Amino acid sequence: NENDNRVERKQFLRLLQNEQFELDMEEAIQKAEENKRLKELQLKQEEKLAMELAKLKHESLKDEKMRQQVRENSIELRELEKKLKAAYMNKERAAQIAEKDAIKYEQMKRDAEIAKTMMEEHKRIIKEENAAEDKRNKVKAQYYLDLEKQLEEQEKK
């Protein structure tokens, strides 16, 4: 009886294990199918996106070629393009000339400041020399006055 119970339990456990195994296998199969379906969907979306990008690139290239052809075939556009290039070159030249003039003006300004400083320094030196000369003249005059006084005193003596 006990052996029968044990055997029945083992059979029941095996049956449960088999059912669980089958459920796990079914779930794994479903997951695999779901993953496969998602990958296929993603692949389709990527292909669709790649096709759209290729189409856009093709249209852009086509549009650019058409513009190029219109530019090459249209005399007016070529003339306008030449005029535009010439205008850009003239603008660049004008900017360069303006820059040269600005540099020249700055140099002249610096030269004028240097000349002014030199003139002021020259005036200051002349003023100092004149002051020194006046001082020497006063000293000489005083010296002569002193000599004359001494002579007068000697004559009086």
N, C-alpha and C. Protein backbone atom coordinates (compact mmCIF):
# COMPACT_ATOMS: atom_id res chain seq x y z
N ASN A 1 0.82 -1.19 0.00
CA ASN A 1 0.00 0.00 0.00
C ASN A 1 0.87 1.25 0.00
N GLU A 2 1.84 1.22 0.86
CA GLU A 2 2.76 2.34 0.95
C GLU A 2 3.56 2.47 -0.35
N ASN A 3 3.99 1.34 -0.88
CA ASN A 3 4.72 1.36 -2.14
C ASN A 3 3.82 1.88 -3.27
N ASP A 4 2.59 1.48 -3.23
CA ASP A 4 1.66 1.96 -4.25
C ASP A 4 1.50 3.48 -4.17
N ASN A 5 1.40 3.98 -2.93
CA ASN A 5 1.28 5.43 -2.74
C ASN A 5 2.53 6.16 -3.25
N ARG A 6 3.66 5.57 -2.93
CA ARG A 6 4.92 6.17 -3.37
C ARG A 6 5.00 6.16 -4.89
N VAL A 7 4.63 5.07 -5.49
CA VAL A 7 4.66 4.93 -6.94
C VAL A 7 3.68 5.94 -7.55
N GLU A 8 2.49 6.04 -6.94
CA GLU A 8 1.50 6.99 -7.47
C GLU A 8 2.01 8.43 -7.34
N ARG A 9 2.63 8.74 -6.24
CA ARG A 9 3.18 10.10 -6.05
C ARG A 9 4.27 10.38 -7.07
N LYS A 10 5.14 9.37 -7.27
CA LYS A 10 6.21 9.56 -8.25
C LYS A 10 5.62 9.75 -9.64
N GLN A 11 4.60 8.98 -9.95
CA GLN A 11 3.97 9.10 -11.26
C GLN A 11 3.30 10.49 -11.39
N PHE A 12 2.64 10.88 -10.29
CA PHE A 12 1.98 12.19 -10.28
C PHE A 12 3.02 13.31 -10.45
N LEU A 13 4.15 13.19 -9.73
CA LEU A 13 5.21 14.19 -9.84
C LEU A 13 5.78 14.22 -11.25
N ARG A 14 5.98 13.02 -11.84
CA ARG A 14 6.49 12.95 -13.20
C ARG A 14 5.49 13.61 -14.15
N LEU A 15 4.23 13.32 -13.92
CA LEU A 15 3.20 13.91 -14.77
C LEU A 15 3.23 15.45 -14.65
N LEU A 16 3.35 15.96 -13.42
CA LEU A 16 3.44 17.41 -13.21
C LEU A 16 4.69 17.99 -13.87
N GLN A 17 5.79 17.27 -13.71
CA GLN A 17 7.03 17.73 -14.32
C GLN A 17 6.91 17.75 -15.85
N ASN A 18 6.30 16.72 -16.41
CA ASN A 18 6.12 16.67 -17.86
C ASN A 18 5.23 17.82 -18.33
N GLU A 19 4.13 18.07 -17.57
CA GLU A 19 3.23 19.17 -17.92
C GLU A 19 3.95 20.52 -17.82
N GLN A 20 4.74 20.67 -16.74
CA GLN A 20 5.50 21.93 -16.57
C GLN A 20 6.51 22.10 -17.70
N PHE A 21 7.17 20.98 -18.07
CA PHE A 21 8.14 21.01 -19.16
C PHE A 21 7.46 21.41 -20.46
N GLU A 22 6.28 20.82 -20.70
CA GLU A 22 5.53 21.15 -21.91
C GLU A 22 5.10 22.61 -21.91
N LEU A 23 4.66 23.12 -20.75
CA LEU A 23 4.28 24.53 -20.64
C LEU A 23 5.48 25.44 -20.90
N ASP A 24 6.62 25.07 -20.30
CA ASP A 24 7.84 25.86 -20.50
C ASP A 24 8.25 25.86 -21.97
N MET A 25 8.16 24.67 -22.59
CA MET A 25 8.51 24.56 -24.01
C MET A 25 7.57 25.40 -24.86
N GLU A 26 6.27 25.33 -24.54
CA GLU A 26 5.28 26.10 -25.29
C GLU A 26 5.55 27.60 -25.14
N GLU A 27 5.85 28.01 -23.92
CA GLU A 27 6.15 29.43 -23.65
C GLU A 27 7.42 29.85 -24.40
N ALA A 28 8.43 29.01 -24.39
CA ALA A 28 9.68 29.31 -25.10
C ALA A 28 9.41 29.42 -26.59
N ILE A 29 8.58 28.53 -27.12
CA ILE A 29 8.24 28.56 -28.55
C ILE A 29 7.50 29.85 -28.87
N GLN A 30 6.55 30.22 -27.99
CA GLN A 30 5.79 31.46 -28.21
C GLN A 30 6.71 32.68 -28.17
N LYS A 31 7.64 32.68 -27.21
CA LYS A 31 8.58 33.80 -27.11
C LYS A 31 9.45 33.87 -28.35
N ALA A 32 9.92 32.72 -28.81
CA ALA A 32 10.76 32.67 -30.00
C ALA A 32 9.98 33.18 -31.21
N GLU A 33 8.72 32.74 -31.33
CA GLU A 33 7.89 33.22 -32.44
C GLU A 33 7.66 34.72 -32.35
N GLU A 34 7.40 35.21 -31.14
CA GLU A 34 7.18 36.65 -30.92
C GLU A 34 8.45 37.43 -31.28
N ASN A 35 9.60 36.94 -30.82
CA ASN A 35 10.88 37.60 -31.16
C ASN A 35 11.11 37.60 -32.66
N LYS A 36 10.80 36.47 -33.30
CA LYS A 36 10.97 36.36 -34.75
C LYS A 36 10.06 37.36 -35.46
N ARG A 37 8.82 37.44 -34.98
CA ARG A 37 7.86 38.38 -35.57
C ARG A 37 8.33 39.83 -35.37
N LEU A 38 8.83 40.15 -34.16
CA LEU A 38 9.32 41.51 -33.89
C LEU A 38 10.53 41.84 -34.76
N LYS A 39 11.43 40.88 -34.91
CA LYS A 39 12.61 41.10 -35.75
C LYS A 39 12.21 41.32 -37.20
N GLU A 40 11.25 40.53 -37.68
CA GLU A 40 10.78 40.70 -39.04
C GLU A 40 10.14 42.07 -39.23
N LEU A 41 9.35 42.47 -38.23
CA LEU A 41 8.70 43.78 -38.28
C LEU A 41 9.76 44.89 -38.28
N GLN A 42 10.76 44.76 -37.41
CA GLN A 42 11.83 45.75 -37.34
C GLN A 42 12.61 45.79 -38.66
N LEU A 43 12.88 44.62 -39.21
CA LEU A 43 13.59 44.54 -40.48
C LEU A 43 12.79 45.22 -41.59
N LYS A 44 11.47 44.98 -41.60
CA LYS A 44 10.62 45.62 -42.60
C LYS A 44 10.65 47.14 -42.45
N GLN A 45 10.59 47.59 -41.18
CA GLN A 45 10.62 49.04 -40.92
C GLN A 45 11.95 49.64 -41.36
N GLU A 46 13.05 48.94 -41.06
CA GLU A 46 14.36 49.43 -41.46
C GLU A 46 14.49 49.47 -42.98
N GLU A 47 13.97 48.44 -43.64
CA GLU A 47 14.00 48.42 -45.11
C GLU A 47 13.18 49.57 -45.68
N LYS A 48 12.01 49.78 -45.07
CA LYS A 48 11.13 50.86 -45.53
C LYS A 48 11.83 52.21 -45.34
N LEU A 49 12.48 52.38 -44.19
CA LEU A 49 13.20 53.62 -43.90
C LEU A 49 14.36 53.80 -44.86
N ALA A 50 15.08 52.71 -45.13
CA ALA A 50 16.20 52.78 -46.07
C ALA A 50 15.71 53.15 -47.46
N MET A 51 14.57 52.59 -47.85
CA MET A 51 14.01 52.92 -49.17
C MET A 51 13.60 54.39 -49.22
N GLU A 52 13.00 54.88 -48.13
CA GLU A 52 12.59 56.29 -48.08
C GLU A 52 13.82 57.20 -48.17
N LEU A 53 14.87 56.85 -47.43
CA LEU A 53 16.09 57.65 -47.46
C LEU A 53 16.71 57.64 -48.87
N ALA A 54 16.73 56.46 -49.47
CA ALA A 54 17.28 56.35 -50.84
C ALA A 54 16.44 57.19 -51.80
N LYS A 55 15.13 57.14 -51.62
CA LYS A 55 14.23 57.92 -52.48
C LYS A 55 14.48 59.42 -52.30
N LEU A 56 14.60 59.85 -51.03
CA LEU A 56 14.87 61.26 -50.76
C LEU A 56 16.22 61.69 -51.35
N LYS A 57 17.22 60.84 -51.18
CA LYS A 57 18.54 61.15 -51.72
C LYS A 57 18.49 61.23 -53.24
N HIS A 58 17.77 60.30 -53.84
CA HIS A 58 17.63 60.29 -55.30
C HIS A 58 16.93 61.57 -55.76
N GLU A 59 15.85 61.95 -55.07
CA GLU A 59 15.12 63.16 -55.44
C GLU A 59 15.99 64.39 -55.28
N SER A 60 16.76 64.43 -54.20
CA SER A 60 17.66 65.56 -53.96
C SER A 60 18.71 65.65 -55.05
N LEU A 61 19.28 64.51 -55.40
CA LEU A 61 20.29 64.47 -56.47
C LEU A 61 19.68 64.90 -57.80
N LYS A 62 18.48 64.40 -58.05
CA LYS A 62 17.77 64.74 -59.29
C LYS A 62 17.51 66.25 -59.34
N ASP A 63 17.06 66.79 -58.20
CA ASP A 63 16.78 68.22 -58.11
C ASP A 63 18.05 69.03 -58.34
N GLU A 64 19.14 68.60 -57.73
CA GLU A 64 20.42 69.31 -57.89
C GLU A 64 20.89 69.26 -59.34
N LYS A 65 20.76 68.10 -59.96
CA LYS A 65 21.15 67.98 -61.38
C LYS A 65 20.29 68.89 -62.26
N MET A 66 19.01 68.96 -61.94
CA MET A 66 18.12 69.80 -62.72
C MET A 66 18.51 71.27 -62.55
N ARG A 67 18.82 71.66 -61.34
CA ARG A 67 19.26 73.03 -61.09
C ARG A 67 20.55 73.33 -61.85
N GLN A 68 21.48 72.37 -61.79
CA GLN A 68 22.74 72.53 -62.50
C GLN A 68 22.49 72.71 -63.99
N GLN A 69 21.59 71.89 -64.53
CA GLN A 69 21.28 71.96 -65.96
C GLN A 69 20.65 73.31 -66.29
N VAL A 70 19.74 73.78 -65.43
CA VAL A 70 19.10 75.08 -65.67
C VAL A 70 20.15 76.18 -65.63
N ARG A 71 21.07 76.09 -64.64
CA ARG A 71 22.13 77.11 -64.54
C ARG A 71 23.01 77.11 -65.78
N GLU A 72 23.35 75.92 -66.25
CA GLU A 72 24.23 75.83 -67.42
C GLU A 72 23.54 76.27 -68.70
N ASN A 73 22.26 76.00 -68.83
CA ASN A 73 21.54 76.31 -70.07
C ASN A 73 21.01 77.74 -70.11
N SER A 74 20.91 78.38 -68.96
CA SER A 74 20.34 79.73 -68.92
C SER A 74 21.46 80.77 -68.99
N ILE A 75 21.45 81.54 -70.05
CA ILE A 75 22.45 82.59 -70.24
C ILE A 75 22.29 83.65 -69.15
N GLU A 76 21.05 83.99 -68.85
CA GLU A 76 20.78 85.01 -67.84
C GLU A 76 21.34 84.60 -66.48
N LEU A 77 21.11 83.32 -66.13
CA LEU A 77 21.61 82.86 -64.83
C LEU A 77 23.13 82.86 -64.79
N ARG A 78 23.76 82.46 -65.89
CA ARG A 78 25.23 82.48 -65.92
C ARG A 78 25.75 83.91 -65.76
N GLU A 79 25.08 84.85 -66.46
CA GLU A 79 25.49 86.25 -66.34
C GLU A 79 25.27 86.76 -64.91
N LEU A 80 24.13 86.37 -64.33
CA LEU A 80 23.87 86.78 -62.94
C LEU A 80 24.90 86.17 -61.99
N GLU A 81 25.26 84.91 -62.25
CA GLU A 81 26.26 84.26 -61.40
C GLU A 81 27.61 84.97 -61.52
N LYS A 82 27.97 85.36 -62.75
CA LYS A 82 29.22 86.10 -62.95
C LYS A 82 29.17 87.44 -62.21
N LYS A 83 28.02 88.13 -62.34
CA LYS A 83 27.87 89.42 -61.66
C LYS A 83 27.95 89.24 -60.14
N LEU A 84 27.33 88.17 -59.66
CA LEU A 84 27.36 87.91 -58.22
C LEU A 84 28.79 87.65 -57.74
N LYS A 85 29.53 86.85 -58.51
CA LYS A 85 30.94 86.59 -58.15
C LYS A 85 31.74 87.89 -58.18
N ALA A 86 31.49 88.70 -59.22
CA ALA A 86 32.21 89.97 -59.33
C ALA A 86 31.87 90.88 -58.14
N ALA A 87 30.59 90.87 -57.76
CA ALA A 87 30.18 91.70 -56.62
C ALA A 87 30.86 91.23 -55.34
N TYR A 88 30.93 89.91 -55.16
CA TYR A 88 31.62 89.38 -53.97
C TYR A 88 33.09 89.78 -53.98
N MET A 89 33.72 89.70 -55.16
CA MET A 89 35.14 90.08 -55.26
C MET A 89 35.31 91.57 -54.96
N ASN A 90 34.40 92.40 -55.51
CA ASN A 90 34.48 93.84 -55.26
C ASN A 90 34.27 94.15 -53.78
N LYS A 91 33.35 93.43 -53.17
CA LYS A 91 33.10 93.63 -51.74
C LYS A 91 34.34 93.25 -50.94
N GLU A 92 34.98 92.15 -51.31
CA GLU A 92 36.20 91.71 -50.63
C GLU A 92 37.31 92.74 -50.81
N ARG A 93 37.45 93.24 -52.05
CA ARG A 93 38.47 94.26 -52.31
C ARG A 93 38.20 95.52 -51.49
N ALA A 94 36.93 95.93 -51.45
CA ALA A 94 36.58 97.12 -50.69
C ALA A 94 36.91 96.92 -49.21
N ALA A 95 36.63 95.72 -48.71
CA ALA A 95 36.95 95.44 -47.31
C ALA A 95 38.45 95.50 -47.08
N GLN A 96 39.23 94.95 -48.03
CA GLN A 96 40.68 95.00 -47.89
C GLN A 96 41.19 96.43 -47.94
N ILE A 97 40.63 97.22 -48.86
CA ILE A 97 41.05 98.63 -48.96
C ILE A 97 40.70 99.38 -47.67
N ALA A 98 39.50 99.13 -47.16
CA ALA A 98 39.08 99.79 -45.92
C ALA A 98 40.01 99.38 -44.78
N GLU A 99 40.39 98.12 -44.75
CA GLU A 99 41.29 97.65 -43.70
C GLU A 99 42.66 98.33 -43.84
N LYS A 100 43.16 98.44 -45.09
CA LYS A 100 44.44 99.12 -45.33
C LYS A 100 44.36 100.58 -44.88
N ASP A 101 43.24 101.24 -45.25
CA ASP A 101 43.07 102.64 -44.86
C ASP A 101 43.04 102.79 -43.35
N ALA A 102 42.36 101.86 -42.69
CA ALA A 102 42.29 101.92 -41.23
C ALA A 102 43.68 101.75 -40.62
N ILE A 103 44.45 100.82 -41.16
CA ILE A 103 45.82 100.61 -40.66
C ILE A 103 46.66 101.86 -40.90
N LYS A 104 46.50 102.44 -42.12
CA LYS A 104 47.25 103.66 -42.47
C LYS A 104 46.87 104.80 -41.52
N TYR A 105 45.57 104.93 -41.26
CA TYR A 105 45.09 105.99 -40.36
C TYR A 105 45.67 105.80 -38.96
N GLU A 106 45.65 104.55 -38.48
CA GLU A 106 46.20 104.27 -37.15
C GLU A 106 47.69 104.61 -37.10
N GLN A 107 48.41 104.27 -38.17
CA GLN A 107 49.85 104.57 -38.23
C GLN A 107 50.08 106.08 -38.22
N MET A 108 49.27 106.80 -39.00
CA MET A 108 49.39 108.26 -39.02
C MET A 108 49.08 108.84 -37.64
N LYS A 109 48.08 108.30 -37.00
CA LYS A 109 47.70 108.77 -35.66
C LYS A 109 48.85 108.54 -34.68
N ARG A 110 49.46 107.33 -34.76
CA ARG A 110 50.60 107.05 -33.87
C ARG A 110 51.77 107.98 -34.19
N ASP A 111 52.03 108.20 -35.49
CA ASP A 111 53.12 109.09 -35.89
C ASP A 111 52.87 110.51 -35.37
N ALA A 112 51.62 110.97 -35.46
CA ALA A 112 51.27 112.31 -34.98
C ALA A 112 51.47 112.40 -33.47
N GLU A 113 51.08 111.36 -32.76
CA GLU A 113 51.26 111.36 -31.30
C GLU A 113 52.75 111.39 -30.94
N ILE A 114 53.54 110.60 -31.70
CA ILE A 114 54.99 110.59 -31.44
C ILE A 114 55.58 111.97 -31.73
N ALA A 115 55.16 112.58 -32.86
CA ALA A 115 55.67 113.91 -33.22
C ALA A 115 55.28 114.94 -32.15
N LYS A 116 54.05 114.84 -31.68
CA LYS A 116 53.58 115.78 -30.65
C LYS A 116 54.41 115.61 -29.38
N THR A 117 54.64 114.35 -29.00
CA THR A 117 55.44 114.08 -27.80
C THR A 117 56.86 114.61 -27.97
N MET A 118 57.42 114.40 -29.18
CA MET A 118 58.78 114.91 -29.43
C MET A 118 58.82 116.44 -29.38
N MET A 119 57.81 117.09 -29.93
CA MET A 119 57.75 118.56 -29.90
C MET A 119 57.66 119.06 -28.46
N GLU A 120 56.79 118.42 -27.69
CA GLU A 120 56.65 118.82 -26.29
C GLU A 120 57.97 118.63 -25.54
N GLU A 121 58.64 117.51 -25.81
CA GLU A 121 59.92 117.25 -25.16
C GLU A 121 60.95 118.29 -25.60
N HIS A 122 60.95 118.62 -26.91
CA HIS A 122 61.88 119.62 -27.42
C HIS A 122 61.62 120.99 -26.76
N LYS A 123 60.36 121.38 -26.65
CA LYS A 123 60.01 122.65 -26.01
C LYS A 123 60.45 122.66 -24.55
N ARG A 124 60.24 121.53 -23.88
CA ARG A 124 60.62 121.44 -22.47
C ARG A 124 62.13 121.59 -22.32
N ILE A 125 62.88 120.93 -23.20
CA ILE A 125 64.34 121.00 -23.12
C ILE A 125 64.82 122.43 -23.39
N ILE A 126 64.20 123.08 -24.42
CA ILE A 126 64.58 124.47 -24.73
C ILE A 126 64.27 125.38 -23.55
N LYS A 127 63.10 125.14 -22.93
CA LYS A 127 62.71 125.95 -21.78
C LYS A 127 63.70 125.77 -20.63
N GLU A 128 64.09 124.50 -20.40
CA GLU A 128 65.07 124.23 -19.34
C GLU A 128 66.41 124.89 -19.66
N GLU A 129 66.83 124.80 -20.94
CA GLU A 129 68.10 125.43 -21.33
C GLU A 129 68.04 126.94 -21.17
N ASN A 130 66.90 127.54 -21.55
CA ASN A 130 66.74 129.00 -21.39
C ASN A 130 66.77 129.37 -19.91
N ALA A 131 66.09 128.54 -19.10
CA ALA A 131 66.08 128.82 -17.66
C ALA A 131 67.50 128.72 -17.11
N ALA A 132 68.24 127.69 -17.55
CA ALA A 132 69.62 127.54 -17.09
C ALA A 132 70.47 128.71 -17.56
N GLU A 133 70.26 129.16 -18.82
CA GLU A 133 71.02 130.30 -19.37
C GLU A 133 70.69 131.56 -18.59
N ASP A 134 69.40 131.77 -18.29
CA ASP A 134 69.01 132.95 -17.50
C ASP A 134 69.67 132.91 -16.13
N LYS A 135 69.69 131.72 -15.55
CA LYS A 135 70.30 131.58 -14.22
C LYS A 135 71.80 131.90 -14.30
N ARG A 136 72.48 131.38 -15.35
CA ARG A 136 73.92 131.66 -15.51
C ARG A 136 74.14 133.17 -15.72
N ASN A 137 73.24 133.78 -16.53
CA ASN A 137 73.36 135.23 -16.75
C ASN A 137 73.17 136.01 -15.45
N LYS A 138 72.21 135.58 -14.66
CA LYS A 138 71.99 136.26 -13.37
C LYS A 138 73.21 136.08 -12.46
N VAL A 139 73.75 134.87 -12.48
CA VAL A 139 74.93 134.62 -11.65
C VAL A 139 76.09 135.49 -12.13
N LYS A 140 76.26 135.59 -13.48
CA LYS A 140 77.33 136.44 -14.03
C LYS A 140 77.11 137.89 -13.64
N ALA A 141 75.85 138.34 -13.80
CA ALA A 141 75.54 139.73 -13.47
C ALA A 141 75.83 140.00 -12.00
N GLN A 142 75.44 139.06 -11.17
CA GLN A 142 75.69 139.22 -9.73
C GLN A 142 77.20 139.24 -9.46
N TYR A 143 77.90 138.35 -10.19
CA TYR A 143 79.35 138.28 -10.03
C TYR A 143 79.99 139.61 -10.42
N TYR A 144 79.52 140.20 -11.58
CA TYR A 144 80.06 141.49 -12.01
C TYR A 144 79.72 142.59 -11.01
N LEU A 145 78.51 142.54 -10.47
CA LEU A 145 78.12 143.54 -9.48
C LEU A 145 79.02 143.42 -8.24
N ASP A 146 79.25 142.18 -7.85
CA ASP A 146 80.11 141.97 -6.68
C ASP A 146 81.53 142.47 -6.96
N LEU A 147 82.01 142.18 -8.19
CA LEU A 147 83.36 142.66 -8.57
C LEU A 147 83.41 144.19 -8.56
N GLU A 148 82.38 144.81 -9.10
CA GLU A 148 82.34 146.28 -9.13
C GLU A 148 82.31 146.84 -7.71
N LYS A 149 81.57 146.22 -6.85
CA LYS A 149 81.52 146.68 -5.45
C LYS A 149 82.91 146.56 -4.82
N GLN A 150 83.52 145.41 -5.13
CA GLN A 150 84.86 145.20 -4.56
C GLN A 150 85.83 146.26 -5.10
N LEU A 151 85.73 146.56 -6.39
CA LEU A 151 86.60 147.59 -6.97
C LEU A 151 86.33 148.96 -6.35
N GLU A 152 85.06 149.27 -6.20
CA GLU A 152 84.69 150.56 -5.60
C GLU A 152 85.22 150.63 -4.17
N GLU A 153 85.09 149.53 -3.46
CA GLU A 153 85.60 149.52 -2.07
C GLU A 153 87.12 149.67 -2.06
N GLN A 154 87.75 149.01 -3.01
CA GLN A 154 89.22 149.13 -3.06
C GLN A 154 89.61 150.56 -3.43
N GLU A 155 88.90 151.18 -4.33
CA GLU A 155 89.19 152.55 -4.70
C GLU A 155 88.98 153.48 -3.52
N LYS A 156 87.92 153.21 -2.80
CA LYS A 156 87.64 154.05 -1.63
C LYS A 156 88.75 153.87 -0.59
N LYS A 157 89.20 152.65 -0.48
CA LYS A 157 90.27 152.41 0.50
C LYS A 157 91.52 153.09 0.03
